[in-house]
Amino acid sequence: MPNLYFCQPHAKNQGMLRAVLSLHECEKVVDNREITFFGESFPCLGDSATGAPDFAVLRFAAGETNGKWRAGFYRVDSDLTMLNDALRQLQR
C-alpha cells in the first residue's frame, strides 16, 4: 500500500507519515497534481531548503506497483491542506 508523507522544509520536517492508502485511494488523492519520480531514495531537503514550499512524498514498495506506478518515491507538489482535504473525503 502506498505511503503518503507530508514534508515541511520551513519547519525542518523531513517527512511525517500522513496516510497509508490503497492504490485506488492514492489515485483519488493525487489526481490532477504535479508528480515527479525521485527514485529509490527519500528526497533529502538539505540545509538550503528552509524557504522551500511544503510538499508531499508518495512511496511505493516493489510489490505494490502497477503499470502506472514504479517502486520508489514520488514528490507531489500540492498544498498540504488540499491533500489533507482529499484524504478526509475518502470513504472507508
PDB file of N, CA and C in Angstrom:
ATOM      1  N   MET A   1       0.851  -1.180   0.000  1.00  0.00           N
ATOM      2  CA  MET A   1       0.000   0.000   0.000  1.00  0.00           C
ATOM      3  C   MET A   1       0.892   1.238   0.000  1.00  0.00           C
ATOM      4  N   PRO A   2       0.588   2.208  -0.848  1.00  0.00           N
ATOM      5  CA  PRO A   2       1.396   3.420  -0.911  1.00  0.00           C
ATOM      6  C   PRO A   2       1.344   4.207   0.396  1.00  0.00           C
ATOM      7  N   ASN A   3       2.482   4.761   0.773  1.00  0.00           N
ATOM      8  CA  ASN A   3       2.575   5.624   1.951  1.00  0.00           C
ATOM      9  C   ASN A   3       2.648   7.068   1.482  1.00  0.00           C
ATOM     10  N   LEU A   4       1.951   7.966   2.178  1.00  0.00           N
ATOM     11  CA  LEU A   4       1.971   9.383   1.860  1.00  0.00           C
ATOM     12  C   LEU A   4       2.601  10.126   3.032  1.00  0.00           C
ATOM     13  N   TYR A   5       3.659  10.874   2.749  1.00  0.00           N
ATOM     14  CA  TYR A   5       4.363  11.652   3.767  1.00  0.00           C
ATOM     15  C   TYR A   5       4.175  13.129   3.478  1.00  0.00           C
ATOM     16  N   PHE A   6       4.041  13.939   4.532  1.00  0.00           N
ATOM     17  CA  PHE A   6       3.998  15.390   4.389  1.00  0.00           C
ATOM     18  C   PHE A   6       5.369  15.931   4.801  1.00  0.00           C
ATOM     19  N   CYS A   7       5.943  16.793   3.966  1.00  0.00           N
ATOM     20  CA  CYS A   7       7.253  17.397   4.227  1.00  0.00           C
ATOM     21  C   CYS A   7       7.083  18.912   4.320  1.00  0.00           C
ATOM     22  N   GLN A   8       7.630  19.499   5.376  1.00  0.00           N
ATOM     23  CA  GLN A   8       7.528  20.935   5.603  1.00  0.00           C
ATOM     24  C   GLN A   8       8.931  21.493   5.855  1.00  0.00           C
ATOM     25  N   PRO A   9       9.621  21.897   4.771  1.00  0.00           N
ATOM     26  CA  PRO A   9      11.000  22.365   4.911  1.00  0.00           C
ATOM     27  C   PRO A   9      11.167  23.537   5.869  1.00  0.00           C
ATOM     28  N   HIS A  10      10.194  24.463   5.905  1.00  0.00           N
ATOM     29  CA  HIS A  10      10.329  25.627   6.790  1.00  0.00           C
ATOM     30  C   HIS A  10      10.379  25.219   8.261  1.00  0.00           C
ATOM     31  N   ALA A  11       9.780  24.089   8.596  1.00  0.00           N
ATOM     32  CA  ALA A  11       9.788  23.582   9.969  1.00  0.00           C
ATOM     33  C   ALA A  11      10.869  22.520  10.162  1.00  0.00           C
ATOM     34  N   LYS A  12      11.723  22.367   9.131  1.00  0.00           N
ATOM     35  CA  LYS A  12      12.785  21.354   9.140  1.00  0.00           C
ATOM     36  C   LYS A  12      12.215  19.956   9.357  1.00  0.00           C
ATOM     37  N   ASN A  13      11.008  19.751   8.825  1.00  0.00           N
ATOM     38  CA  ASN A  13      10.339  18.453   8.883  1.00  0.00           C
ATOM     39  C   ASN A  13      10.742  17.671   7.647  1.00  0.00           C
ATOM     40  N   GLN A  14      11.487  16.599   7.818  1.00  0.00           N
ATOM     41  CA  GLN A  14      11.979  15.803   6.700  1.00  0.00           C
ATOM     42  C   GLN A  14      10.923  14.868   6.122  1.00  0.00           C
ATOM     43  N   GLY A  15       9.806  14.719   6.776  1.00  0.00           N
ATOM     44  CA  GLY A  15       8.734  13.880   6.253  1.00  0.00           C
ATOM     45  C   GLY A  15       8.044  13.116   7.362  1.00  0.00           C
ATOM     46  N   MET A  16       6.753  13.359   7.497  1.00  0.00           N
ATOM     47  CA  MET A  16       5.955  12.678   8.508  1.00  0.00           C
ATOM     48  C   MET A  16       4.894  11.843   7.808  1.00  0.00           C
ATOM     49  N   LEU A  17       4.830  10.568   8.161  1.00  0.00           N
ATOM     50  CA  LEU A  17       3.829   9.692   7.556  1.00  0.00           C
ATOM     51  C   LEU A  17       2.442  10.248   7.854  1.00  0.00           C
ATOM     52  N   ARG A  18       1.671  10.489   6.795  1.00  0.00           N
ATOM     53  CA  ARG A  18       0.326  11.046   6.950  1.00  0.00           C
ATOM     54  C   ARG A  18      -0.756  10.014   6.666  1.00  0.00           C
ATOM     55  N   ALA A  19      -0.487   9.075   5.719  1.00  0.00           N
ATOM     56  CA  ALA A  19      -1.519   8.103   5.371  1.00  0.00           C
ATOM     57  C   ALA A  19      -0.910   6.888   4.693  1.00  0.00           C
ATOM     58  N   VAL A  20      -1.583   5.764   4.872  1.00  0.00           N
ATOM     59  CA  VAL A  20      -1.300   4.539   4.132  1.00  0.00           C
ATOM     60  C   VAL A  20      -2.546   4.288   3.291  1.00  0.00           C
ATOM     61  N   LEU A  21      -2.372   4.231   1.974  1.00  0.00           N
ATOM     62  CA  LEU A  21      -3.501   4.224   1.058  1.00  0.00           C
ATOM     63  C   LEU A  21      -3.530   2.969   0.196  1.00  0.00           C
ATOM     64  N   SER A  22      -4.706   2.618  -0.270  1.00  0.00           N
ATOM     65  CA  SER A  22      -4.809   1.604  -1.322  1.00  0.00           C
ATOM     66  C   SER A  22      -4.428   2.291  -2.636  1.00  0.00           C
ATOM     67  N   LEU A  23      -4.195   1.526  -3.685  1.00  0.00           N
ATOM     68  CA  LEU A  23      -3.886   2.133  -4.988  1.00  0.00           C
ATOM     69  C   LEU A  23      -5.040   3.022  -5.464  1.00  0.00           C
ATOM     70  N   HIS A  24      -6.265   2.560  -5.265  1.00  0.00           N
ATOM     71  CA  HIS A  24      -7.435   3.347  -5.673  1.00  0.00           C
ATOM     72  C   HIS A  24      -7.502   4.668  -4.896  1.00  0.00           C
ATOM     73  N   GLU A  25      -7.291   4.613  -3.594  1.00  0.00           N
ATOM     74  CA  GLU A  25      -7.309   5.833  -2.780  1.00  0.00           C
ATOM     75  C   GLU A  25      -6.195   6.786  -3.191  1.00  0.00           C
ATOM     76  N   CYS A  26      -5.039   6.226  -3.472  1.00  0.00           N
ATOM     77  CA  CYS A  26      -3.902   7.033  -3.900  1.00  0.00           C
ATOM     78  C   CYS A  26      -4.232   7.795  -5.172  1.00  0.00           C
ATOM     79  N   GLU A  27      -4.824   7.115  -6.127  1.00  0.00           N
ATOM     80  CA  GLU A  27      -5.214   7.755  -7.392  1.00  0.00           C
ATOM     81  C   GLU A  27      -6.162   8.925  -7.139  1.00  0.00           C
ATOM     82  N   LYS A  28      -7.113   8.743  -6.241  1.00  0.00           N
ATOM     83  CA  LYS A  28      -8.079   9.804  -5.944  1.00  0.00           C
ATOM     84  C   LYS A  28      -7.416  10.995  -5.266  1.00  0.00           C
ATOM     85  N   VAL A  29      -6.496  10.734  -4.348  1.00  0.00           N
ATOM     86  CA  VAL A  29      -5.861  11.812  -3.583  1.00  0.00           C
ATOM     87  C   VAL A  29      -4.917  12.646  -4.452  1.00  0.00           C
ATOM     88  N   VAL A  30      -4.161  12.018  -5.328  1.00  0.00           N
ATOM     89  CA  VAL A  30      -3.167  12.755  -6.118  1.00  0.00           C
ATOM     90  C   VAL A  30      -3.655  13.130  -7.514  1.00  0.00           C
ATOM     91  N   ASP A  31      -4.908  12.868  -7.821  1.00  0.00           N
ATOM     92  CA  ASP A  31      -5.471  13.194  -9.122  1.00  0.00           C
ATOM     93  C   ASP A  31      -5.262  14.675  -9.445  1.00  0.00           C
ATOM     94  N   ASN A  32      -4.784  14.956 -10.662  1.00  0.00           N
ATOM     95  CA  ASN A  32      -4.575  16.319 -11.172  1.00  0.00           C
ATOM     96  C   ASN A  32      -3.532  17.116 -10.385  1.00  0.00           C
ATOM     97  N   ARG A  33      -2.564  16.439  -9.799  1.00  0.00           N
ATOM     98  CA  ARG A  33      -1.479  17.121  -9.097  1.00  0.00           C
ATOM     99  C   ARG A  33      -0.163  16.814  -9.807  1.00  0.00           C
ATOM    100  N   GLU A  34       0.776  17.733  -9.721  1.00  0.00           N
ATOM    101  CA  GLU A  34       2.079  17.534 -10.344  1.00  0.00           C
ATOM    102  C   GLU A  34       2.890  16.535  -9.518  1.00  0.00           C
ATOM    103  N   ILE A  35       3.350  15.478 -10.176  1.00  0.00           N
ATOM    104  CA  ILE A  35       4.075  14.397  -9.500  1.00  0.00           C
ATOM    105  C   ILE A  35       5.394  14.162 -10.229  1.00  0.00           C
ATOM    106  N   THR A  36       6.490  14.047  -9.454  1.00  0.00           N
ATOM    107  CA  THR A  36       7.821  13.817 -10.013  1.00  0.00           C
ATOM    108  C   THR A  36       8.421  12.581  -9.368  1.00  0.00           C
ATOM    109  N   PHE A  37       8.903  11.638 -10.180  1.00  0.00           N
ATOM    110  CA  PHE A  37       9.538  10.435  -9.659  1.00  0.00           C
ATOM    111  C   PHE A  37      10.943  10.775  -9.180  1.00  0.00           C
ATOM    112  N   PHE A  38      11.288  10.360  -7.943  1.00  0.00           N
ATOM    113  CA  PHE A  38      12.600  10.622  -7.358  1.00  0.00           C
ATOM    114  C   PHE A  38      13.547   9.442  -7.439  1.00  0.00           C
ATOM    115  N   GLY A  39      13.020   8.251  -7.486  1.00  0.00           N
ATOM    116  CA  GLY A  39      13.878   7.077  -7.486  1.00  0.00           C
ATOM    117  C   GLY A  39      13.695   6.283  -6.208  1.00  0.00           C
ATOM    118  N   GLU A  40      14.736   5.585  -5.798  1.00  0.00           N
ATOM    119  CA  GLU A  40      14.630   4.680  -4.659  1.00  0.00           C
ATOM    120  C   GLU A  40      15.003   5.305  -3.326  1.00  0.00           C
ATOM    121  N   SER A  41      15.382   6.585  -3.302  1.00  0.00           N
ATOM    122  CA  SER A  41      15.768   7.255  -2.061  1.00  0.00           C
ATOM    123  C   SER A  41      14.778   8.356  -1.713  1.00  0.00           C
ATOM    124  N   PHE A  42      14.456   8.446  -0.426  1.00  0.00           N
ATOM    125  CA  PHE A  42      13.580   9.514   0.048  1.00  0.00           C
ATOM    126  C   PHE A  42      14.270  10.846  -0.218  1.00  0.00           C
ATOM    127  N   PRO A  43      13.569  11.839  -0.776  1.00  0.00           N
ATOM    128  CA  PRO A  43      14.218  13.110  -1.103  1.00  0.00           C
ATOM    129  C   PRO A  43      14.775  13.796   0.144  1.00  0.00           C
ATOM    130  N   CYS A  44      16.009  14.252   0.054  1.00  0.00           N
ATOM    131  CA  CYS A  44      16.660  14.960   1.156  1.00  0.00           C
ATOM    132  C   CYS A  44      16.441  16.449   0.962  1.00  0.00           C
ATOM    133  N   LEU A  45      15.978  17.117   2.007  1.00  0.00           N
ATOM    134  CA  LEU A  45      15.719  18.545   1.898  1.00  0.00           C
ATOM    135  C   LEU A  45      16.994  19.363   2.016  1.00  0.00           C
ATOM    136  N   GLY A  46      17.950  18.924   2.815  1.00  0.00           N
ATOM    137  CA  GLY A  46      19.205  19.656   2.983  1.00  0.00           C
ATOM    138  C   GLY A  46      19.015  20.930   3.773  1.00  0.00           C
ATOM    139  N   ASP A  47      20.107  21.600   4.041  1.00  0.00           N
ATOM    140  CA  ASP A  47      20.081  22.833   4.835  1.00  0.00           C
ATOM    141  C   ASP A  47      19.561  24.029   4.059  1.00  0.00           C
ATOM    142  N   SER A  48      19.658  24.000   2.737  1.00  0.00           N
ATOM    143  CA  SER A  48      19.271  25.163   1.940  1.00  0.00           C
ATOM    144  C   SER A  48      17.775  25.198   1.647  1.00  0.00           C
ATOM    145  N   ALA A  49      17.016  24.240   2.126  1.00  0.00           N
ATOM    146  CA  ALA A  49      15.605  24.140   1.746  1.00  0.00           C
ATOM    147  C   ALA A  49      14.656  24.823   2.720  1.00  0.00           C
ATOM    148  N   THR A  50      15.156  25.630   3.656  1.00  0.00           N
ATOM    149  CA  THR A  50      14.274  26.223   4.652  1.00  0.00           C
ATOM    150  C   THR A  50      13.214  27.132   4.050  1.00  0.00           C
ATOM    151  N   GLY A  51      13.462  27.728   2.884  1.00  0.00           N
ATOM    152  CA  GLY A  51      12.471  28.576   2.250  1.00  0.00           C
ATOM    153  C   GLY A  51      11.637  27.848   1.214  1.00  0.00           C
ATOM    154  N   ALA A  52      11.894  26.565   1.050  1.00  0.00           N
ATOM    155  CA  ALA A  52      11.181  25.785   0.038  1.00  0.00           C
ATOM    156  C   ALA A  52       9.729  25.564   0.458  1.00  0.00           C
ATOM    157  N   PRO A  53       8.827  25.436  -0.517  1.00  0.00           N
ATOM    158  CA  PRO A  53       7.416  25.194  -0.185  1.00  0.00           C
ATOM    159  C   PRO A  53       7.191  23.771   0.334  1.00  0.00           C
ATOM    160  N   ASP A  54       6.098  23.612   1.063  1.00  0.00           N
ATOM    161  CA  ASP A  54       5.710  22.289   1.552  1.00  0.00           C
ATOM    162  C   ASP A  54       5.362  21.394   0.363  1.00  0.00           C
ATOM    163  N   PHE A  55       5.532  20.097   0.557  1.00  0.00           N
ATOM    164  CA  PHE A  55       5.183  19.133  -0.488  1.00  0.00           C
ATOM    165  C   PHE A  55       4.916  17.797   0.175  1.00  0.00           C
ATOM    166  N   ALA A  56       4.464  16.850  -0.606  1.00  0.00           N
ATOM    167  CA  ALA A  56       4.192  15.500  -0.110  1.00  0.00           C
ATOM    168  C   ALA A  56       5.055  14.516  -0.887  1.00  0.00           C
ATOM    169  N   VAL A  57       5.270  13.341  -0.289  1.00  0.00           N
ATOM    170  CA  VAL A  57       6.027  12.279  -0.926  1.00  0.00           C
ATOM    171  C   VAL A  57       5.204  11.003  -0.871  1.00  0.00           C
ATOM    172  N   LEU A  58       5.104  10.331  -2.007  1.00  0.00           N
ATOM    173  CA  LEU A  58       4.471   9.011  -2.079  1.00  0.00           C
ATOM    174  C   LEU A  58       5.564   7.959  -2.159  1.00  0.00           C
ATOM    175  N   ARG A  59       5.389   6.865  -1.439  1.00  0.00           N
ATOM    176  CA  ARG A  59       6.340   5.760  -1.501  1.00  0.00           C
ATOM    177  C   ARG A  59       5.601   4.499  -1.919  1.00  0.00           C
ATOM    178  N   PHE A  60       6.127   3.836  -2.935  1.00  0.00           N
ATOM    179  CA  PHE A  60       5.599   2.563  -3.395  1.00  0.00           C
ATOM    180  C   PHE A  60       6.662   1.498  -3.189  1.00  0.00           C
ATOM    181  N   ALA A  61       6.333   0.448  -2.466  1.00  0.00           N
ATOM    182  CA  ALA A  61       7.236  -0.692  -2.314  1.00  0.00           C
ATOM    183  C   ALA A  61       7.193  -1.510  -3.598  1.00  0.00           C
ATOM    184  N   ALA A  62       8.188  -2.350  -3.796  1.00  0.00           N
ATOM    185  CA  ALA A  62       8.312  -3.119  -5.038  1.00  0.00           C
ATOM    186  C   ALA A  62       7.076  -3.959  -5.352  1.00  0.00           C
ATOM    187  N   GLY A  63       6.452  -4.560  -4.366  1.00  0.00           N
ATOM    188  CA  GLY A  63       5.302  -5.423  -4.600  1.00  0.00           C
ATOM    189  C   GLY A  63       3.979  -4.696  -4.688  1.00  0.00           C
ATOM    190  N   GLU A  64       3.981  -3.369  -4.653  1.00  0.00           N
ATOM    191  CA  GLU A  64       2.745  -2.593  -4.601  1.00  0.00           C
ATOM    192  C   GLU A  64       2.507  -1.762  -5.848  1.00  0.00           C
ATOM    193  N   THR A  65       3.217  -2.035  -6.904  1.00  0.00           N
ATOM    194  CA  THR A  65       3.119  -1.188  -8.078  1.00  0.00           C
ATOM    195  C   THR A  65       2.187  -1.794  -9.123  1.00  0.00           C
ATOM    196  N   ASN A  66       1.854  -0.963 -10.088  1.00  0.00           N
ATOM    197  CA  ASN A  66       1.075  -1.420 -11.232  1.00  0.00           C
ATOM    198  C   ASN A  66       1.682  -0.785 -12.474  1.00  0.00           C
ATOM    199  N   GLY A  67       1.010  -0.800 -13.581  1.00  0.00           N
ATOM    200  CA  GLY A  67       1.559  -0.246 -14.814  1.00  0.00           C
ATOM    201  C   GLY A  67       1.844   1.245 -14.758  1.00  0.00           C
ATOM    202  N   LYS A  68       1.135   1.979 -13.915  1.00  0.00           N
ATOM    203  CA  LYS A  68       1.311   3.430 -13.839  1.00  0.00           C
ATOM    204  C   LYS A  68       2.422   3.822 -12.861  1.00  0.00           C
ATOM    205  N   TRP A  69       2.560   3.097 -11.788  1.00  0.00           N
ATOM    206  CA  TRP A  69       3.495   3.445 -10.718  1.00  0.00           C
ATOM    207  C   TRP A  69       4.691   2.504 -10.690  1.00  0.00           C
ATOM    208  N   ARG A  70       5.865   3.045 -10.442  1.00  0.00           N
ATOM    209  CA  ARG A  70       7.084   2.257 -10.253  1.00  0.00           C
ATOM    210  C   ARG A  70       7.415   2.228  -8.769  1.00  0.00           C
ATOM    211  N   ALA A  71       8.202   1.269  -8.362  1.00  0.00           N
ATOM    212  CA  ALA A  71       8.666   1.229  -6.976  1.00  0.00           C
ATOM    213  C   ALA A  71       9.582   2.417  -6.739  1.00  0.00           C
ATOM    214  N   GLY A  72       9.417   3.056  -5.598  1.00  0.00           N
ATOM    215  CA  GLY A  72      10.256   4.196  -5.254  1.00  0.00           C
ATOM    216  C   GLY A  72       9.444   5.344  -4.693  1.00  0.00           C
ATOM    217  N   PHE A  73      10.024   6.531  -4.791  1.00  0.00           N
ATOM    218  CA  PHE A  73       9.455   7.731  -4.184  1.00  0.00           C
ATOM    219  C   PHE A  73       9.060   8.752  -5.244  1.00  0.00           C
ATOM    220  N   TYR A  74       7.922   9.399  -5.015  1.00  0.00           N
ATOM    221  CA  TYR A  74       7.402  10.435  -5.892  1.00  0.00           C
ATOM    222  C   TYR A  74       7.154  11.695  -5.073  1.00  0.00           C
ATOM    223  N   ARG A  75       7.558  12.833  -5.594  1.00  0.00           N
ATOM    224  CA  ARG A  75       7.241  14.112  -4.961  1.00  0.00           C
ATOM    225  C   ARG A  75       5.908  14.595  -5.526  1.00  0.00           C
ATOM    226  N   VAL A  76       5.024  15.033  -4.636  1.00  0.00           N
ATOM    227  CA  VAL A  76       3.719  15.569  -5.024  1.00  0.00           C
ATOM    228  C   VAL A  76       3.719  17.048  -4.663  1.00  0.00           C
ATOM    229  N   ASP A  77       3.762  17.901  -5.675  1.00  0.00           N
ATOM    230  CA  ASP A  77       3.751  19.342  -5.430  1.00  0.00           C
ATOM    231  C   ASP A  77       2.307  19.813  -5.333  1.00  0.00           C
ATOM    232  N   SER A  78       1.875  19.998  -4.104  1.00  0.00           N
ATOM    233  CA  SER A  78       0.496  20.418  -3.858  1.00  0.00           C
ATOM    234  C   SER A  78       0.427  21.029  -2.470  1.00  0.00           C
ATOM    235  N   ASP A  79      -0.507  21.910  -2.294  1.00  0.00           N
ATOM    236  CA  ASP A  79      -0.767  22.465  -0.974  1.00  0.00           C
ATOM    237  C   ASP A  79      -1.178  21.324  -0.048  1.00  0.00           C
ATOM    238  N   LEU A  80      -0.523  21.209   1.100  1.00  0.00           N
ATOM    239  CA  LEU A  80      -0.802  20.102   2.010  1.00  0.00           C
ATOM    240  C   LEU A  80      -2.222  20.157   2.564  1.00  0.00           C
ATOM    241  N   THR A  81      -2.772  21.348   2.687  1.00  0.00           N
ATOM    242  CA  THR A  81      -4.158  21.475   3.156  1.00  0.00           C
ATOM    243  C   THR A  81      -5.114  20.839   2.155  1.00  0.00           C
ATOM    244  N   MET A  82      -4.851  21.046   0.871  1.00  0.00           N
ATOM    245  CA  MET A  82      -5.706  20.452  -0.157  1.00  0.00           C
ATOM    246  C   MET A  82      -5.558  18.928  -0.174  1.00  0.00           C
ATOM    247  N   LEU A  83      -4.336  18.437   0.007  1.00  0.00           N
ATOM    248  CA  LEU A  83      -4.144  16.983   0.083  1.00  0.00           C
ATOM    249  C   LEU A  83      -4.844  16.411   1.309  1.00  0.00           C
ATOM    250  N   ASN A  84      -4.755  17.124   2.421  1.00  0.00           N
ATOM    251  CA  ASN A  84      -5.417  16.670   3.636  1.00  0.00           C
ATOM    252  C   ASN A  84      -6.934  16.617   3.440  1.00  0.00           C
ATOM    253  N   ASP A  85      -7.483  17.617   2.748  1.00  0.00           N
ATOM    254  CA  ASP A  85      -8.923  17.617   2.447  1.00  0.00           C
ATOM    255  C   ASP A  85      -9.289  16.420   1.569  1.00  0.00           C
ATOM    256  N   ALA A  86      -8.434  16.105   0.595  1.00  0.00           N
ATOM    257  CA  ALA A  86      -8.685  14.948  -0.272  1.00  0.00           C
ATOM    258  C   ALA A  86      -8.662  13.652   0.542  1.00  0.00           C
ATOM    259  N   LEU A  87      -7.769  13.571   1.517  1.00  0.00           N
ATOM    260  CA  LEU A  87      -7.731  12.390   2.395  1.00  0.00           C
ATOM    261  C   LEU A  87      -9.005  12.264   3.207  1.00  0.00           C
ATOM    262  N   ARG A  88      -9.508  13.381   3.700  1.00  0.00           N
ATOM    263  CA  ARG A  88     -10.732  13.358   4.512  1.00  0.00           C
ATOM    264  C   ARG A  88     -11.954  12.951   3.704  1.00  0.00           C
ATOM    265  N   GLN A  89     -11.917  13.206   2.403  1.00  0.00           N
ATOM    266  CA  GLN A  89     -13.069  12.870   1.564  1.00  0.00           C
ATOM    267  C   GLN A  89     -13.134  11.399   1.196  1.00  0.00           C
ATOM    268  N   LEU A  90     -12.065  10.677   1.457  1.00  0.00           N
ATOM    269  CA  LEU A  90     -12.091   9.237   1.173  1.00  0.00           C
ATOM    270  C   LEU A  90     -13.114   8.559   2.079  1.00  0.00           C
ATOM    271  N   GLN A  91     -13.923   7.721   1.495  1.00  0.00           N
ATOM    272  CA  GLN A  91     -14.899   6.980   2.303  1.00  0.00           C
ATOM    273  C   GLN A  91     -14.363   5.596   2.590  1.00  0.00           C
ATOM    274  N   ARG A  92     -14.426   5.219   3.821  1.00  0.00           N
ATOM    275  CA  ARG A  92     -13.926   3.886   4.236  1.00  0.00           C
ATOM    276  C   ARG A  92     -15.088   2.984   4.495  1.00  0.00           C
TER     277      ARG A  92
END
